[in-house]
């Protein structure tokens, strides 16, 4: 999958940040469209956090399995 665990860790951080920022911006845009400030921004922020943590956990589990520290945790 990854040639180096360092590249995988950068990818994990990037995915985590993009999911949080992207979902927050989507919520902000929807708030502007429907006039529900800040309800949808907060809802989508929480969804972005959940998606970010879930994705980061899955990728980190795969990286650890790849370098030998996550024995038995592969899908």
C-alpha atoms as a PDB file:
ATOM      1  CA  UNK A   1       0.000   0.000   0.000  1.00  0.00           C
ATOM      2  CA  UNK A   2       2.433   2.727   1.217  1.00  0.00           C
ATOM      3  CA  UNK A   3       6.136   2.661   0.461  1.00  0.00           C
ATOM      4  CA  UNK A   4       7.002   4.378   3.725  1.00  0.00           C
ATOM      5  CA  UNK A   5       5.106   4.722   7.011  1.00  0.00           C
ATOM      6  CA  UNK A   6       6.009   8.435   7.005  1.00  0.00           C
ATOM      7  CA  UNK A   7       3.993   8.963   3.813  1.00  0.00           C
ATOM      8  CA  UNK A   8       1.096   7.090   5.362  1.00  0.00           C
ATOM      9  CA  UNK A   9       1.153   9.323   8.439  1.00  0.00           C
ATOM     10  CA  UNK A  10       1.097  12.432   6.258  1.00  0.00           C
ATOM     11  CA  UNK A  11      -1.886  10.961   4.413  1.00  0.00           C
ATOM     12  CA  UNK A  12      -3.677  10.284   7.687  1.00  0.00           C
ATOM     13  CA  UNK A  13      -3.216  13.878   8.828  1.00  0.00           C
ATOM     14  CA  UNK A  14      -4.263  15.245   5.462  1.00  0.00           C
ATOM     15  CA  UNK A  15      -7.428  13.129   5.380  1.00  0.00           C
ATOM     16  CA  UNK A  16      -8.261  14.110   8.954  1.00  0.00           C
ATOM     17  CA  UNK A  17      -7.884  17.831   8.233  1.00  0.00           C
ATOM     18  CA  UNK A  18      -9.745  17.719   4.924  1.00  0.00           C
ATOM     19  CA  UNK A  19     -12.725  15.865   6.395  1.00  0.00           C
ATOM     20  CA  UNK A  20     -13.083  18.355   9.260  1.00  0.00           C
ATOM     21  CA  UNK A  21     -12.569  21.488   7.164  1.00  0.00           C
ATOM     22  CA  UNK A  22     -14.648  20.222   4.249  1.00  0.00           C
ATOM     23  CA  UNK A  23     -17.635  19.233   6.350  1.00  0.00           C
ATOM     24  CA  UNK A  24     -17.467  22.488   8.333  1.00  0.00           C
ATOM     25  CA  UNK A  25     -17.437  24.537   5.136  1.00  0.00           C
ATOM     26  CA  UNK A  26     -20.357  22.522   3.798  1.00  0.00           C
ATOM     27  CA  UNK A  27     -22.307  23.204   6.997  1.00  0.00           C
ATOM     28  CA  UNK A  28     -21.446  26.895   6.802  1.00  0.00           C
ATOM     29  CA  UNK A  29     -22.631  27.075   3.207  1.00  0.00           C
ATOM     30  CA  UNK A  30     -25.879  25.307   4.095  1.00  0.00           C
ATOM     31  CA  UNK A  31     -26.381  27.670   7.040  1.00  0.00           C
ATOM     32  CA  UNK A  32     -26.081  30.609   4.659  1.00  0.00           C
ATOM     33  CA  UNK A  33     -28.516  29.024   2.242  1.00  0.00           C
ATOM     34  CA  UNK A  34     -31.179  28.154   4.835  1.00  0.00           C
ATOM     35  CA  UNK A  35     -30.501  30.883   7.428  1.00  0.00           C
ATOM     36  CA  UNK A  36     -29.925  28.455  10.287  1.00  0.00           C
ATOM     37  CA  UNK A  37     -26.660  29.950  11.632  1.00  0.00           C
ATOM     38  CA  UNK A  38     -24.765  28.157  13.339  1.00  0.00           C
ATOM     39  CA  UNK A  39     -26.773  24.951  13.661  1.00  0.00           C
ATOM     40  CA  UNK A  40     -25.727  23.184  10.476  1.00  0.00           C
ATOM     41  CA  UNK A  41     -22.125  24.336  10.840  1.00  0.00           C
ATOM     42  CA  UNK A  42     -21.923  22.640  14.231  1.00  0.00           C
ATOM     43  CA  UNK A  43     -23.710  19.503  13.020  1.00  0.00           C
ATOM     44  CA  UNK A  44     -21.405  19.125  10.042  1.00  0.00           C
ATOM     45  CA  UNK A  45     -18.357  19.907  12.199  1.00  0.00           C
ATOM     46  CA  UNK A  46     -19.262  16.974  14.448  1.00  0.00           C
ATOM     47  CA  UNK A  47     -19.857  14.762  11.393  1.00  0.00           C
ATOM     48  CA  UNK A  48     -16.472  15.826  10.001  1.00  0.00           C
ATOM     49  CA  UNK A  49     -14.788  14.980  13.297  1.00  0.00           C
ATOM     50  CA  UNK A  50     -16.406  11.547  13.355  1.00  0.00           C
ATOM     51  CA  UNK A  51     -15.471  10.886   9.741  1.00  0.00           C
ATOM     52  CA  UNK A  52     -11.915  12.118  10.354  1.00  0.00           C
ATOM     53  CA  UNK A  53     -11.386   9.981  13.439  1.00  0.00           C
ATOM     54  CA  UNK A  54     -12.867   6.911  11.747  1.00  0.00           C
ATOM     55  CA  UNK A  55     -10.737   7.313   8.636  1.00  0.00           C
ATOM     56  CA  UNK A  56      -7.597   8.052  10.640  1.00  0.00           C
ATOM     57  CA  UNK A  57      -8.173   5.003  12.836  1.00  0.00           C
ATOM     58  CA  UNK A  58      -8.584   2.710   9.841  1.00  0.00           C
ATOM     59  CA  UNK A  59      -5.518   4.046   8.059  1.00  0.00           C
ATOM     60  CA  UNK A  60      -3.388   3.968  11.197  1.00  0.00           C
ATOM     61  CA  UNK A  61      -4.452   0.383  11.875  1.00  0.00           C
ATOM     62  CA  UNK A  62      -3.352  -0.573   8.357  1.00  0.00           C
ATOM     63  CA  UNK A  63      -0.019   1.242   8.727  1.00  0.00           C
ATOM     64  CA  UNK A  64       0.702  -0.460  12.028  1.00  0.00           C
ATOM     65  CA  UNK A  65      -0.137  -3.824  10.518  1.00  0.00           C
ATOM     66  CA  UNK A  66       2.190  -3.056   7.621  1.00  0.00           C
ATOM     67  CA  UNK A  67       5.173  -2.285   9.846  1.00  0.00           C
ATOM     68  CA  UNK A  68       4.520  -5.239  12.106  1.00  0.00           C
ATOM     69  CA  UNK A  69       3.094  -3.567  15.220  1.00  0.00           C
ATOM     70  CA  UNK A  70      -0.562  -4.302  14.548  1.00  0.00           C
ATOM     71  CA  UNK A  71      -0.620  -8.091  14.431  1.00  0.00           C
ATOM     72  CA  UNK A  72      -4.081  -9.602  14.096  1.00  0.00           C
ATOM     73  CA  UNK A  73      -5.870  -6.328  13.410  1.00  0.00           C
ATOM     74  CA  UNK A  74      -6.203  -6.575   9.643  1.00  0.00           C
ATOM     75  CA  UNK A  75      -9.531  -6.828   7.881  1.00  0.00           C
END
